Amino acid sequence: MNGLTVARLSAAFTLAAGVLLSAQQQLPDEPPRGFGTSVTPAYEGWFDNPDGTHNLLIGYLNRNRALEVDVPIGPNNHFEPGNADVGQPTHFLPGRHNGVFIVTVPKEFNAQQRLSWSITFNGQTNTIPFHLQADYNVSPLRQDFPPNNTPPSVRLFDEKASGIQGPVGTMAKAVTRTTSVSSALELPVWAEDDAKYTSGSGAPMARPRPPVTLTWSLYRGPGKVTFDKARPDLETLKGGAVNVPYGGKAKTTAKFSAPGEYVLYLVANDYSGTGGGAGEVCCWTNALVKVTVTP
């Protein structure tokens, strides 16, 4: 299954659940709490681009179950070596969040090289290294086994816009918008999916659910964002059953508490569920929206 062995899954769990002060020093595991605990980077794996470059797929675990955490870019939220800001979030939602962003490294980046992300919160510094080891090679754009599921495709603001498919949203590709503190920003989305489903055993879904679900959240920003519906319901335009190609549209609005530069985050999940559901690093899509908010 493209490197998703028991050893890889065990290693991934250790990276997500363990608290690392550095790549060399491991601290004891720390259970989640309501607040007063840490945030840890998580490595999902890597995959290739057609031009020979590689994408590092990265998420995080915020152990503060009752607290959304803000850590600005700088000494407490940085990558190394090189540019401290590679497009990572500064706003962290509670819990485990899979494949939130990618970092693209050049084709010359080899299996011996490392790029690391450090987050310091509540006095705890957690650093996770990222690499191109073969057992971390994943296929987030298509399952390697039947039914060969693929992620949803989403279009933002314009039904005829280019579709975004897979966990490939980046700051460089973010759609830009401008609004004001006194105005709500409309966030229309069109989504399509192949609606393929498997339970592994071949059993049907016990409780039918929507072919695509959308979730909006804050990714970066100087203030709070209030969504009319952070998880808007999709209006079905076509399909709606397993293995019947699906199309739908949804709209929500966002209001901002203060002027400044914000980034909003959209994740679209299909029948496979959050993080691929059964341990497969497929199939979800994410996208970013940069918003300039005036007074």
Protein backbone atom coordinates (compact mmCIF):
# COMPACT_ATOMS: atom_id res chain seq x y z
CA MET A 1 0.00 0.00 0.00
CA ASN A 2 2.64 2.44 -1.08
CA GLY A 3 4.76 2.20 2.02
CA LEU A 4 1.97 2.31 4.61
CA THR A 5 3.43 -0.57 6.59
CA VAL A 6 2.91 -1.34 10.24
CA ALA A 7 6.33 0.11 10.95
CA ARG A 8 5.46 3.37 9.17
CA LEU A 9 2.16 3.70 10.99
CA SER A 10 3.89 3.08 14.29
CA ALA A 11 6.51 5.69 13.48
CA ALA A 12 3.86 8.19 12.41
CA PHE A 13 1.99 7.71 15.67
CA THR A 14 5.16 8.23 17.64
CA LEU A 15 5.90 11.47 15.82
CA ALA A 16 2.36 12.75 16.31
CA ALA A 17 1.96 11.69 19.93
CA GLY A 18 5.47 12.11 21.26
CA VAL A 19 6.76 15.44 22.45
CA LEU A 20 10.18 16.19 20.99
CA LEU A 21 12.42 18.91 22.32
CA SER A 22 14.74 18.30 19.39
CA ALA A 23 15.40 15.61 16.81
CA GLN A 24 17.76 13.98 19.29
CA GLN A 25 15.95 14.38 22.64
CA GLN A 26 12.53 12.84 23.32
CA LEU A 27 10.36 13.85 26.25
CA PRO A 28 7.71 11.58 27.81
CA ASP A 29 4.37 11.30 26.03
CA GLU A 30 1.86 13.87 27.17
CA PRO A 31 -1.91 13.25 27.13
CA PRO A 32 -4.38 15.86 25.86
CA ARG A 33 -5.84 18.30 28.37
CA GLY A 34 -8.39 21.08 28.21
CA PHE A 35 -5.65 23.71 28.16
CA GLY A 36 -2.14 24.36 29.44
CA THR A 37 -0.37 21.86 27.21
CA SER A 38 1.52 21.77 23.91
CA VAL A 39 1.23 21.78 20.12
CA THR A 40 3.24 19.28 18.07
CA PRO A 41 3.95 19.17 14.32
CA ALA A 42 3.07 15.89 12.57
CA TYR A 43 4.52 14.34 9.43
CA GLU A 44 2.09 12.58 7.07
CA GLY A 45 4.64 11.71 4.36
CA TRP A 46 5.87 12.93 1.00
CA PHE A 47 4.89 12.67 -2.67
CA ASP A 48 6.37 13.73 -5.98
CA ASN A 49 5.41 16.44 -8.46
CA PRO A 50 5.60 15.88 -12.23
CA ASP A 51 8.60 18.24 -12.46
CA GLY A 52 10.65 16.08 -10.08
CA THR A 53 10.23 18.25 -6.98
CA HIS A 54 8.77 16.74 -3.82
CA ASN A 55 5.97 17.77 -1.46
CA LEU A 56 6.26 17.26 2.30
CA LEU A 57 2.75 16.78 3.68
CA ILE A 58 2.45 18.17 7.20
CA GLY A 59 -0.18 18.45 9.91
CA TYR A 60 -0.25 19.07 13.65
CA LEU A 61 -1.63 17.95 17.01
CA ASN A 62 -2.94 20.59 19.42
CA ARG A 63 -3.33 18.78 22.74
CA ASN A 64 -5.32 21.69 24.19
CA ARG A 65 -8.77 20.20 23.64
CA ALA A 66 -10.61 23.34 24.74
CA LEU A 67 -8.28 25.99 23.31
CA GLU A 68 -7.55 27.39 19.87
CA VAL A 69 -3.90 28.42 19.91
CA ASP A 70 -2.14 31.28 18.12
CA VAL A 71 1.63 31.13 17.64
CA PRO A 72 3.03 33.84 15.32
CA ILE A 73 5.82 33.15 12.87
CA GLY A 74 9.14 33.69 14.66
CA PRO A 75 11.17 31.97 17.37
CA ASN A 76 8.10 30.04 18.57
CA ASN A 77 6.88 28.92 15.14
CA HIS A 78 9.58 28.38 12.54
CA PHE A 79 11.15 26.04 10.01
CA GLU A 80 14.84 25.38 9.62
CA PRO A 81 17.20 25.40 7.87
CA GLY A 82 16.36 28.25 5.53
CA ASN A 83 13.23 30.39 5.57
CA ALA A 84 11.43 30.31 8.92
CA ASP A 85 8.11 30.98 7.14
CA VAL A 86 7.18 28.32 4.59
CA GLY A 87 3.43 28.92 4.74
CA GLN A 88 2.64 27.04 7.96
CA PRO A 89 -0.38 27.98 10.07
CA THR A 90 -0.19 30.33 13.02
CA HIS A 91 -3.66 29.42 14.31
CA PHE A 92 -4.06 25.88 15.64
CA LEU A 93 -7.42 24.24 16.22
CA PRO A 94 -7.82 21.68 19.03
CA GLY A 95 -6.99 18.07 18.21
CA ARG A 96 -5.24 16.26 15.38
CA HIS A 97 -5.32 17.87 11.92
CA ASN A 98 -4.01 15.82 9.02
CA GLY A 99 -2.17 17.09 5.97
CA VAL A 100 -2.90 20.77 6.59
CA PHE A 101 -0.22 22.11 4.22
CA ILE A 102 2.66 21.11 1.99
CA VAL A 103 6.24 22.31 1.71
CA THR A 104 7.77 21.77 -1.72
CA VAL A 105 11.46 20.90 -1.78
CA PRO A 106 13.68 20.77 -4.89
CA LYS A 107 14.37 17.59 -6.84
CA GLU A 108 17.92 17.63 -5.43
CA PHE A 109 16.59 17.21 -1.87
CA ASN A 110 17.65 13.67 -0.91
CA ALA A 111 16.74 11.06 1.69
CA GLN A 112 19.57 12.13 3.99
CA GLN A 113 18.47 15.77 4.20
CA ARG A 114 16.07 17.10 6.81
CA LEU A 115 13.72 20.05 7.19
CA SER A 116 12.21 20.61 10.63
CA TRP A 117 9.32 22.57 12.15
CA SER A 118 9.48 23.83 15.75
CA ILE A 119 6.48 25.04 17.76
CA THR A 120 6.86 26.48 21.25
CA PHE A 121 3.72 26.87 23.36
CA ASN A 122 3.15 26.76 27.11
CA GLY A 123 6.90 26.59 27.60
CA GLN A 124 7.27 23.39 25.57
CA THR A 125 9.23 23.27 22.32
CA ASN A 126 8.32 20.43 19.94
CA THR A 127 10.43 19.85 16.84
CA ILE A 128 9.64 17.28 14.15
CA PRO A 129 12.02 16.50 11.24
CA PHE A 130 10.73 15.88 7.71
CA HIS A 131 12.53 13.71 5.17
CA LEU A 132 12.19 11.62 2.02
CA GLN A 133 12.53 8.17 3.54
CA ALA A 134 10.95 5.54 1.28
CA ASP A 135 8.54 4.23 3.92
CA TYR A 136 6.97 7.69 4.19
CA ASN A 137 6.09 7.90 0.49
CA VAL A 138 2.30 8.39 0.20
CA SER A 139 -0.35 8.80 -2.51
CA PRO A 140 -2.74 11.55 -1.37
CA LEU A 141 -4.06 12.17 -4.89
CA ARG A 142 -5.24 8.62 -5.61
CA GLN A 143 -5.63 5.42 -3.62
CA ASP A 144 -3.29 2.64 -4.75
CA PHE A 145 -5.97 -0.03 -4.46
CA PRO A 146 -9.58 -0.45 -5.67
CA PRO A 147 -11.75 1.52 -5.92
CA ASN A 148 -8.86 3.99 -6.54
CA ASN A 149 -10.60 6.84 -4.81
CA THR A 150 -9.51 10.42 -5.56
CA PRO A 151 -9.97 13.61 -3.50
CA PRO A 152 -12.81 16.07 -4.08
CA SER A 153 -12.26 18.97 -6.44
CA VAL A 154 -13.30 22.43 -5.20
CA ARG A 155 -13.77 25.79 -6.90
CA LEU A 156 -13.82 29.01 -4.90
CA PHE A 157 -15.89 32.13 -5.66
CA ASP A 158 -16.42 31.20 -9.34
CA GLU A 159 -18.06 28.04 -10.68
CA LYS A 160 -15.81 28.27 -13.75
CA ALA A 161 -12.57 28.74 -11.79
CA SER A 162 -9.81 26.16 -11.94
CA GLY A 163 -10.48 23.28 -9.60
CA ILE A 164 -8.23 22.46 -6.62
CA GLN A 165 -7.81 18.75 -5.90
CA GLY A 166 -5.80 17.14 -3.13
CA PRO A 167 -3.94 18.56 -0.12
CA VAL A 168 -2.00 20.99 -2.29
CA GLY A 169 -3.23 24.38 -1.11
CA THR A 170 -0.41 26.86 -0.49
CA MET A 171 -0.05 30.52 0.38
CA ALA A 172 1.38 31.17 -3.10
CA LYS A 173 -1.75 29.74 -4.74
CA ALA A 174 -4.26 31.30 -2.35
CA VAL A 175 -7.21 33.22 -3.75
CA THR A 176 -7.23 36.84 -2.56
CA ARG A 177 -10.18 38.93 -1.40
CA THR A 178 -10.77 42.27 0.38
CA THR A 179 -13.48 43.13 2.86
CA SER A 180 -14.02 45.34 5.91
CA VAL A 181 -14.69 44.80 9.59
CA SER A 182 -18.26 45.94 9.08
CA SER A 183 -18.96 43.65 6.11
CA ALA A 184 -19.38 39.89 5.91
CA LEU A 185 -17.35 38.14 3.22
CA GLU A 186 -19.26 35.57 1.18
CA LEU A 187 -17.44 32.28 0.62
CA PRO A 188 -19.13 30.30 -2.17
CA VAL A 189 -17.74 26.84 -3.00
CA TRP A 190 -18.50 24.34 -5.75
CA ALA A 191 -17.39 20.76 -5.09
CA GLU A 192 -17.19 17.60 -7.19
CA ASP A 193 -16.16 14.06 -6.28
CA ASP A 194 -16.07 10.57 -7.78
CA ALA A 195 -18.12 9.35 -4.77
CA LYS A 196 -16.14 6.11 -4.59
CA TYR A 197 -16.33 4.29 -1.29
CA THR A 198 -14.81 1.25 0.33
CA SER A 199 -14.85 0.02 3.91
CA GLY A 200 -11.92 -2.31 3.38
CA SER A 201 -14.20 -5.29 4.02
CA GLY A 202 -16.58 -4.27 1.25
CA ALA A 203 -19.43 -3.66 3.69
CA PRO A 204 -21.71 -0.71 2.88
CA MET A 205 -21.89 2.38 5.07
CA ALA A 206 -23.90 1.75 8.20
CA ARG A 207 -25.07 5.37 8.19
CA PRO A 208 -25.14 7.11 4.80
CA ARG A 209 -23.44 10.50 4.88
CA PRO A 210 -22.87 13.30 2.35
CA PRO A 211 -20.38 12.48 -0.45
CA VAL A 212 -18.47 15.70 0.36
CA THR A 213 -18.21 17.72 3.57
CA LEU A 214 -16.65 21.19 3.86
CA THR A 215 -15.07 22.86 6.88
CA TRP A 216 -13.85 26.48 7.11
CA SER A 217 -11.46 27.74 9.78
CA LEU A 218 -8.91 30.46 10.52
CA TYR A 219 -5.34 29.70 9.36
CA ARG A 220 -3.62 33.02 10.12
CA GLY A 221 -4.81 36.40 11.31
CA PRO A 222 -4.62 39.16 13.92
CA GLY A 223 -8.19 38.72 15.17
CA LYS A 224 -11.11 36.33 15.36
CA VAL A 225 -13.19 35.07 12.46
CA THR A 226 -16.85 34.16 12.85
CA PHE A 227 -18.34 31.93 10.17
CA ASP A 228 -22.07 31.89 9.53
CA LYS A 229 -21.66 28.13 9.01
CA ALA A 230 -18.17 26.74 9.47
CA ARG A 231 -19.48 23.45 8.08
CA PRO A 232 -21.96 24.54 5.43
CA ASP A 233 -24.39 22.08 3.93
CA LEU A 234 -23.87 21.38 0.25
CA GLU A 235 -26.79 21.70 -2.13
CA THR A 236 -26.66 18.64 -4.39
CA LEU A 237 -26.46 19.46 -8.09
CA LYS A 238 -25.84 15.91 -9.31
CA GLY A 239 -25.35 12.46 -7.84
CA GLY A 240 -25.67 11.89 -4.12
CA ALA A 241 -25.21 8.12 -3.91
CA VAL A 242 -22.19 5.86 -3.59
CA ASN A 243 -20.27 5.44 -6.87
CA VAL A 244 -22.38 8.11 -8.59
CA PRO A 245 -20.25 11.17 -9.51
CA TYR A 246 -21.26 14.02 -7.23
CA GLY A 247 -21.55 17.77 -7.65
CA GLY A 248 -22.74 20.35 -5.15
CA LYS A 249 -22.45 23.95 -4.00
CA ALA A 250 -22.39 25.70 -0.65
CA LYS A 251 -22.01 29.18 0.72
CA THR A 252 -21.10 30.64 4.06
CA THR A 253 -19.96 34.05 5.27
CA ALA A 254 -17.06 35.20 7.41
CA LYS A 255 -16.86 38.26 9.66
CA PHE A 256 -13.60 39.59 11.06
CA SER A 257 -13.09 41.16 14.48
CA ALA A 258 -10.21 43.45 13.55
CA PRO A 259 -8.51 44.88 10.45
CA GLY A 260 -5.40 43.21 9.07
CA GLU A 261 -4.21 40.34 6.89
CA TYR A 262 -5.95 37.00 7.36
CA VAL A 263 -5.76 33.56 5.77
CA LEU A 264 -8.77 31.26 5.80
CA TYR A 265 -8.53 27.49 5.44
CA LEU A 266 -10.97 25.18 3.65
CA VAL A 267 -10.82 21.39 3.85
CA ALA A 268 -13.07 19.13 1.77
CA ASN A 269 -13.45 15.49 2.78
CA ASP A 270 -15.11 12.71 0.80
CA TYR A 271 -16.53 9.36 1.92
CA SER A 272 -13.08 8.34 3.23
CA GLY A 273 -13.45 10.86 6.05
CA THR A 274 -10.99 12.98 8.00
CA GLY A 275 -7.38 12.04 7.32
CA GLY A 276 -8.42 9.28 4.95
CA GLY A 277 -10.44 7.47 7.59
CA ALA A 278 -8.72 4.08 7.75
CA GLY A 279 -5.09 5.22 7.87
CA GLU A 280 -4.68 5.84 4.15
CA VAL A 281 -3.19 9.26 3.41
CA CYS A 282 -5.94 10.01 0.87
CA CYS A 283 -8.39 11.56 -0.01
CA TRP A 284 -9.02 15.15 1.02
CA THR A 285 -8.54 18.60 -0.50
CA ASN A 286 -7.51 21.88 1.06
CA ALA A 287 -7.37 25.47 -0.12
CA LEU A 288 -6.37 28.85 1.33
CA VAL A 289 -7.97 32.27 0.93
CA LYS A 290 -6.01 35.44 1.75
CA VAL A 291 -8.24 38.23 3.02
CA THR A 292 -7.28 41.87 3.52
CA VAL A 293 -9.64 43.38 6.09
CA THR A 294 -9.94 47.15 6.23
CA PRO A 295 -11.33 49.15 9.19
